[in-house]
């Protein structure tokens, strides 16, 4: 069986990590995978993995931050893009097309329909959730509004994030040695990670700064690359900035608590590492995803003003939070294989 995976974004992180994990899951079951990225995407994640890809047009409409204007503009671009996708699908003669999030989901879905091939969409945005279910089977990620309802619309089912190999199996000793490279790090203190994923948003910096000013009894880590220049100019001197790291699986087995935005694959990777989480809401374009409702009992939700109190609450309720995190870890780690089988079953 051969599949074409159509991926939104620049091929760097986030959506591409999800797509790459889907590819690994399919290949483990004997499926040959071809990759399609936007023609302007640098594709660094795939390049790092030694992968090649096909270049097509995959317009973006701003994801969760999409406006009516950006969505209409993207819709016109989609017309050309879907016909190019159809040509690639026919040329490769694939058995199924998997579109991953936003523009990738839509271009893959419409392209597959035009080429007369079955499709599956991984959906996560307002636009892909409107278009793709009309054309093929869809799987909604945890941040989608369709994730929690008991009675789902036709062609939509739930899925957790498919996770990378090694998640949950890191080595805390490796993380400790890396952390010791910072003169600010004290291994006798508890350690708290602050992160909004691969890109650092202003709100997560404010959260780290506020807690650093409030207490000097913890190692406070900040991970990721700033979304805009100048974001780190006001970073509190007591915050340990690690930048973008490739040893996150090890770090998640060392730290005591994670403060994350309420979205994204890092949140589930943290749960898979059996670690309690405090989510800082509405950091990314004011979005709210109710992750505490999805992963009940493993997450404490907070706004910026009450974050310090909720961090201390998390330590007070640590054992109960951890017990629930362990419950979700098993399901999260099984998702990659389970989702791959569901995609294969569409063809069968």
Protein backbone atom coordinates (compact mmCIF):
# COMPACT_ATOMS: atom_id res chain seq x y z
CA UNK A 1 0.00 0.00 0.00
CA UNK A 2 1.19 3.50 -0.82
CA UNK A 3 0.08 6.72 0.91
CA UNK A 4 0.66 10.40 0.17
CA UNK A 5 0.92 12.57 3.29
CA UNK A 6 0.05 16.23 2.58
CA UNK A 7 1.38 18.50 5.30
CA UNK A 8 0.65 22.11 6.16
CA UNK A 9 3.27 24.59 7.40
CA UNK A 10 7.00 24.90 6.85
CA UNK A 11 8.13 21.40 7.72
CA UNK A 12 9.81 22.50 10.95
CA UNK A 13 7.79 21.38 13.99
CA UNK A 14 4.24 21.22 15.33
CA UNK A 15 2.13 19.97 12.42
CA UNK A 16 5.15 18.32 10.80
CA UNK A 17 5.96 16.40 13.98
CA UNK A 18 2.39 15.05 14.00
CA UNK A 19 2.70 14.14 10.31
CA UNK A 20 6.07 12.48 10.78
CA UNK A 21 4.71 10.36 13.62
CA UNK A 22 1.80 9.30 11.39
CA UNK A 23 4.32 8.33 8.70
CA UNK A 24 6.30 6.25 11.21
CA UNK A 25 3.12 4.51 12.34
CA UNK A 26 2.10 3.68 8.75
CA UNK A 27 5.57 2.50 7.75
CA UNK A 28 5.71 0.20 10.78
CA UNK A 29 2.67 -1.52 9.25
CA UNK A 30 4.26 -1.84 5.81
CA UNK A 31 2.81 1.24 4.10
CA UNK A 32 5.09 3.13 1.68
CA UNK A 33 4.77 6.86 2.36
CA UNK A 34 5.33 9.82 0.04
CA UNK A 35 5.47 13.34 1.50
CA UNK A 36 4.14 16.61 0.06
CA UNK A 37 5.02 20.02 1.50
CA UNK A 38 4.37 23.55 0.32
CA UNK A 39 6.86 24.60 -2.34
CA UNK A 40 8.25 27.34 -0.05
CA UNK A 41 8.71 25.05 2.99
CA UNK A 42 12.34 24.52 4.07
CA UNK A 43 11.34 21.12 5.49
CA UNK A 44 14.14 21.03 8.06
CA UNK A 45 12.52 18.34 10.18
CA UNK A 46 12.26 15.99 7.20
CA UNK A 47 15.72 16.91 5.93
CA UNK A 48 17.11 16.03 9.35
CA UNK A 49 15.43 12.64 9.09
CA UNK A 50 16.93 12.03 5.64
CA UNK A 51 13.54 12.32 3.91
CA UNK A 52 12.73 13.80 0.51
CA UNK A 53 9.40 15.38 -0.42
CA UNK A 54 7.30 16.61 -3.31
CA UNK A 55 6.72 20.36 -3.67
CA UNK A 56 3.17 21.56 -4.26
CA UNK A 57 1.12 24.57 -3.22
CA UNK A 58 -0.46 24.25 0.24
CA UNK A 59 -2.04 27.61 1.19
CA UNK A 60 -2.51 28.51 4.83
CA UNK A 61 -5.40 30.46 6.34
CA UNK A 62 -3.92 31.24 9.72
CA UNK A 63 -5.09 28.09 11.53
CA UNK A 64 -6.94 28.90 14.76
CA UNK A 65 -6.12 32.57 14.23
CA UNK A 66 -7.82 32.67 10.81
CA UNK A 67 -10.06 35.61 9.98
CA UNK A 68 -12.90 35.65 7.43
CA UNK A 69 -10.68 37.65 5.08
CA UNK A 70 -7.72 35.26 5.35
CA UNK A 71 -10.03 32.26 4.93
CA UNK A 72 -11.60 33.68 1.74
CA UNK A 73 -8.16 34.54 0.34
CA UNK A 74 -6.92 31.04 1.12
CA UNK A 75 -10.01 29.50 -0.51
CA UNK A 76 -9.12 31.05 -3.88
CA UNK A 77 -5.55 29.79 -3.57
CA UNK A 78 -6.89 26.33 -2.71
CA UNK A 79 -8.51 25.99 -6.14
CA UNK A 80 -5.17 25.95 -7.93
CA UNK A 81 -3.51 23.96 -5.17
CA UNK A 82 -6.02 21.11 -5.20
CA UNK A 83 -5.64 20.54 -8.96
CA UNK A 84 -1.86 20.37 -8.52
CA UNK A 85 -2.39 17.91 -5.69
CA UNK A 86 -4.64 15.81 -7.92
CA UNK A 87 -1.89 15.66 -10.56
CA UNK A 88 0.65 14.48 -7.98
CA UNK A 89 -1.78 11.87 -6.58
CA UNK A 90 -2.37 10.46 -10.07
CA UNK A 91 1.34 10.53 -10.93
CA UNK A 92 2.31 8.63 -7.76
CA UNK A 93 -0.69 6.29 -8.06
CA UNK A 94 -1.16 6.15 -4.28
CA UNK A 95 -3.84 4.11 -2.56
CA UNK A 96 -4.78 6.76 0.01
CA UNK A 97 -4.13 10.44 0.77
CA UNK A 98 -3.67 11.67 4.35
CA UNK A 99 -4.00 15.45 4.80
CA UNK A 100 -2.56 16.85 8.00
CA UNK A 101 -4.13 19.95 9.56
CA UNK A 102 -5.33 23.20 7.99
CA UNK A 103 -4.25 23.70 4.38
CA UNK A 104 -2.65 20.26 4.30
CA UNK A 105 -5.92 18.60 5.35
CA UNK A 106 -7.99 20.57 2.83
CA UNK A 107 -5.64 20.23 -0.16
CA UNK A 108 -5.21 16.53 0.55
CA UNK A 109 -8.94 15.97 0.98
CA UNK A 110 -10.09 17.83 -2.14
CA UNK A 111 -7.14 16.54 -4.20
CA UNK A 112 -8.00 12.95 -3.26
CA UNK A 113 -11.65 13.46 -4.19
CA UNK A 114 -10.69 14.93 -7.58
CA UNK A 115 -8.30 12.04 -8.22
CA UNK A 116 -10.87 9.43 -7.19
CA UNK A 117 -8.80 8.16 -4.27
CA UNK A 118 -9.82 7.60 -0.61
CA UNK A 119 -8.69 10.24 1.86
CA UNK A 120 -8.27 10.75 5.58
CA UNK A 121 -7.92 14.17 7.25
CA UNK A 122 -6.32 15.06 10.56
CA UNK A 123 -8.22 18.20 11.55
CA UNK A 124 -7.57 20.89 14.11
CA UNK A 125 -8.76 24.26 12.78
CA UNK A 126 -12.13 25.95 12.09
CA UNK A 127 -11.62 25.81 8.30
CA UNK A 128 -10.49 22.20 7.91
CA UNK A 129 -13.30 21.04 10.22
CA UNK A 130 -15.88 22.67 7.93
CA UNK A 131 -14.57 21.33 4.62
CA UNK A 132 -12.94 17.93 5.14
CA UNK A 133 -15.79 16.02 6.87
CA UNK A 134 -17.93 16.62 3.76
CA UNK A 135 -15.39 14.69 1.69
CA UNK A 136 -13.83 11.93 3.79
CA UNK A 137 -13.16 10.39 7.21
CA UNK A 138 -11.62 12.86 9.68
CA UNK A 139 -9.85 12.56 13.03
CA UNK A 140 -10.08 15.56 15.35
CA UNK A 141 -7.10 16.35 17.59
CA UNK A 142 -7.64 17.22 21.29
CA UNK A 143 -7.74 20.99 20.78
CA UNK A 144 -10.71 20.74 18.39
CA UNK A 145 -14.18 21.63 19.62
CA UNK A 146 -15.38 18.27 18.28
CA UNK A 147 -13.08 16.28 20.56
CA UNK A 148 -15.26 16.24 23.67
CA UNK A 149 -18.86 15.89 22.40
CA UNK A 150 -20.32 12.41 22.83
CA UNK A 151 -22.29 12.60 19.58
CA UNK A 152 -19.94 13.59 16.79
CA UNK A 153 -20.86 14.94 13.34
CA UNK A 154 -20.70 12.47 10.46
CA UNK A 155 -17.17 11.48 9.38
CA UNK A 156 -15.45 12.87 12.51
CA UNK A 157 -13.84 10.75 15.21
CA UNK A 158 -11.41 11.57 18.05
CA UNK A 159 -7.70 10.92 18.15
CA UNK A 160 -4.98 11.87 20.59
CA UNK A 161 -1.68 13.05 19.14
CA UNK A 162 0.55 10.33 17.66
CA UNK A 163 3.79 10.61 19.64
CA UNK A 164 7.45 10.22 18.69
CA UNK A 165 9.53 7.17 19.53
CA UNK A 166 11.26 7.54 22.88
CA UNK A 167 8.63 9.79 24.47
CA UNK A 168 8.14 8.67 28.06
CA UNK A 169 11.42 6.75 28.05
CA UNK A 170 13.93 9.57 28.55
CA UNK A 171 16.97 9.39 30.80
CA UNK A 172 16.89 11.94 33.66
CA UNK A 173 20.66 11.63 34.12
CA UNK A 174 21.23 12.97 30.59
CA UNK A 175 18.95 15.94 31.35
CA UNK A 176 20.77 16.59 34.64
CA UNK A 177 24.16 16.72 32.92
CA UNK A 178 22.80 19.15 30.32
CA UNK A 179 21.24 21.37 32.99
CA UNK A 180 24.45 21.49 34.99
CA UNK A 181 25.97 23.42 32.08
CA UNK A 182 24.01 26.46 33.31
CA UNK A 183 25.60 28.24 36.30
CA UNK A 184 22.09 29.20 37.46
CA UNK A 185 20.99 25.58 37.87
CA UNK A 186 20.87 24.07 41.36
CA UNK A 187 20.23 20.31 41.45
CA UNK A 188 19.03 20.59 45.06
CA UNK A 189 15.99 22.62 43.95
CA UNK A 190 12.80 21.38 42.30
CA UNK A 191 12.61 22.20 38.59
CA UNK A 192 9.71 23.73 36.65
CA UNK A 193 9.55 23.86 32.86
CA UNK A 194 7.80 26.75 31.08
CA UNK A 195 7.08 26.26 27.37
CA UNK A 196 4.60 27.13 24.64
CA UNK A 197 6.06 24.58 22.22
CA UNK A 198 8.75 25.21 19.61
CA UNK A 199 7.83 28.93 19.52
CA UNK A 200 7.89 31.03 22.69
CA UNK A 201 4.86 33.32 23.06
CA UNK A 202 4.87 36.45 25.19
CA UNK A 203 2.41 35.05 27.74
CA UNK A 204 4.61 32.11 28.72
CA UNK A 205 7.55 34.52 29.25
CA UNK A 206 5.38 36.67 31.51
CA UNK A 207 4.40 33.57 33.47
CA UNK A 208 8.03 32.51 33.96
CA UNK A 209 9.07 36.05 34.93
CA UNK A 210 6.26 36.43 37.46
CA UNK A 211 7.09 33.16 39.16
CA UNK A 212 10.83 33.92 39.18
CA UNK A 213 10.12 37.20 40.97
CA UNK A 214 7.77 35.46 43.39
CA UNK A 215 10.06 32.58 44.46
CA UNK A 216 13.75 31.72 44.19
CA UNK A 217 13.29 28.18 45.54
CA UNK A 218 12.92 26.52 42.13
CA UNK A 219 14.90 26.09 38.92
CA UNK A 220 12.77 27.84 36.29
CA UNK A 221 13.42 26.65 32.73
CA UNK A 222 12.23 28.23 29.49
CA UNK A 223 12.39 26.19 26.27
CA UNK A 224 11.78 27.16 22.63
CA UNK A 225 12.62 29.95 20.21
CA UNK A 226 11.01 33.38 20.59
CA UNK A 227 8.14 34.05 18.19
CA UNK A 228 9.40 37.60 17.64
CA UNK A 229 12.67 39.41 18.10
CA UNK A 230 12.98 41.20 21.42
CA UNK A 231 10.72 38.83 23.33
CA UNK A 232 13.61 37.70 25.54
CA UNK A 233 14.93 41.20 26.26
CA UNK A 234 12.99 41.41 29.53
CA UNK A 235 13.54 37.82 30.64
CA UNK A 236 14.14 37.63 34.40
CA UNK A 237 17.76 36.87 35.22
CA UNK A 238 16.73 33.90 37.35
CA UNK A 239 15.04 32.10 34.44
CA UNK A 240 17.27 29.53 32.74
CA UNK A 241 16.74 29.88 28.99
CA UNK A 242 17.61 26.65 27.16
CA UNK A 243 16.59 27.66 23.64
CA UNK A 244 15.44 24.95 21.22
CA UNK A 245 16.56 21.54 22.50
CA UNK A 246 16.66 18.03 21.02
CA UNK A 247 16.67 16.30 24.42
CA UNK A 248 13.13 17.10 25.50
CA UNK A 249 12.26 13.44 26.18
CA UNK A 250 15.09 13.35 28.74
CA UNK A 251 14.10 16.70 30.26
CA UNK A 252 10.49 15.57 30.77
CA UNK A 253 11.68 12.66 32.90
CA UNK A 254 13.77 14.98 35.12
CA UNK A 255 11.58 18.01 35.86
CA UNK A 256 9.01 18.17 38.66
CA UNK A 257 6.27 20.17 36.92
CA UNK A 258 5.46 21.63 33.50
CA UNK A 259 3.71 24.95 32.82
CA UNK A 260 2.49 24.80 29.21
CA UNK A 261 0.04 26.48 26.88
CA UNK A 262 -3.25 24.60 26.55
CA UNK A 263 -2.58 23.08 23.13
CA UNK A 264 -0.07 21.14 21.09
CA UNK A 265 1.80 17.89 21.05
CA UNK A 266 4.18 18.88 23.89
CA UNK A 267 1.29 18.77 26.33
CA UNK A 268 0.58 15.14 25.47
CA UNK A 269 4.30 14.23 25.44
CA UNK A 270 4.43 15.57 28.99
CA UNK A 271 1.48 13.44 30.06
CA UNK A 272 3.11 10.42 28.38
CA UNK A 273 6.07 11.12 30.67
CA UNK A 274 3.62 10.78 33.60
CA UNK A 275 4.09 14.41 34.63
CA UNK A 276 1.41 16.78 35.99
CA UNK A 277 0.77 20.00 34.06
CA UNK A 278 -0.45 23.53 34.74
CA UNK A 279 -1.85 25.01 31.51
CA UNK A 280 -1.66 28.75 30.94
CA UNK A 281 -4.73 29.60 28.85
CA UNK A 282 -5.34 32.12 26.06
CA UNK A 283 -1.62 32.67 25.41
CA UNK A 284 -1.81 31.98 21.67
CA UNK A 285 -4.05 34.55 19.98
CA UNK A 286 -6.53 34.36 22.87
CA UNK A 287 -7.45 30.75 22.07
CA UNK A 288 -8.95 28.46 24.69
CA UNK A 289 -8.96 24.66 24.19
CA UNK A 290 -10.10 23.23 27.53
CA UNK A 291 -7.28 20.69 27.79
CA UNK A 292 -8.14 20.28 31.48
CA UNK A 293 -11.51 19.00 30.28
CA UNK A 294 -9.91 16.55 27.84
CA UNK A 295 -7.33 15.18 30.29
CA UNK A 296 -9.41 15.35 33.45
CA UNK A 297 -7.56 15.26 36.74
CA UNK A 298 -4.07 15.47 35.20
CA UNK A 299 -4.07 19.21 34.42
CA UNK A 300 -4.73 22.36 36.43
CA UNK A 301 -5.89 25.27 34.30
CA UNK A 302 -4.83 28.85 35.01
CA UNK A 303 -4.83 32.40 33.75
CA UNK A 304 -1.76 34.58 34.18
CA UNK A 305 -2.96 36.36 37.30
CA UNK A 306 -3.51 33.16 39.29
CA UNK A 307 -0.60 31.17 37.84
CA UNK A 308 1.69 31.38 40.89
CA UNK A 309 -1.09 30.09 43.17
CA UNK A 310 -1.91 27.27 40.77
CA UNK A 311 1.72 26.16 40.55
CA UNK A 312 1.77 25.75 44.34
CA UNK A 313 -1.62 24.02 44.16
CA UNK A 314 -0.15 21.55 41.65
CA UNK A 315 2.60 20.63 44.09
CA UNK A 316 0.03 20.26 46.88
CA UNK A 317 -2.09 17.93 44.71
CA UNK A 318 0.89 16.31 42.99
CA UNK A 319 0.16 12.66 43.80
CA UNK A 320 -3.42 12.80 42.52
CA UNK A 321 -2.40 14.69 39.36
CA UNK A 322 0.37 12.19 38.66
CA UNK A 323 -1.97 9.23 39.12
CA UNK A 324 -4.24 10.64 36.42
CA UNK A 325 -1.32 11.51 34.14
CA UNK A 326 -0.23 7.85 34.29
CA UNK A 327 -3.74 6.85 33.17
CA UNK A 328 -3.50 9.00 30.03
CA UNK A 329 0.12 8.05 29.30
CA UNK A 330 -0.77 4.54 28.13
CA UNK A 331 -3.47 5.74 25.72
CA UNK A 332 -1.19 8.46 24.35
CA UNK A 333 1.67 6.05 23.65
CA UNK A 334 -0.67 3.65 21.81
CA UNK A 335 -2.15 6.34 19.55
CA UNK A 336 0.45 6.21 16.75
CA UNK A 337 -0.13 2.53 16.00
CA UNK A 338 -3.91 2.75 16.49
CA UNK A 339 -4.30 5.79 14.20
CA UNK A 340 -2.16 4.16 11.50
CA UNK A 341 -4.42 1.10 11.53
CA UNK A 342 -7.54 3.26 11.24
CA UNK A 343 -6.04 4.97 8.17
CA UNK A 344 -5.19 1.61 6.59
CA UNK A 345 -8.72 0.32 7.30
CA UNK A 346 -10.19 3.12 5.16
CA UNK A 347 -8.64 1.48 2.08
CA UNK A 348 -9.62 -2.05 3.12
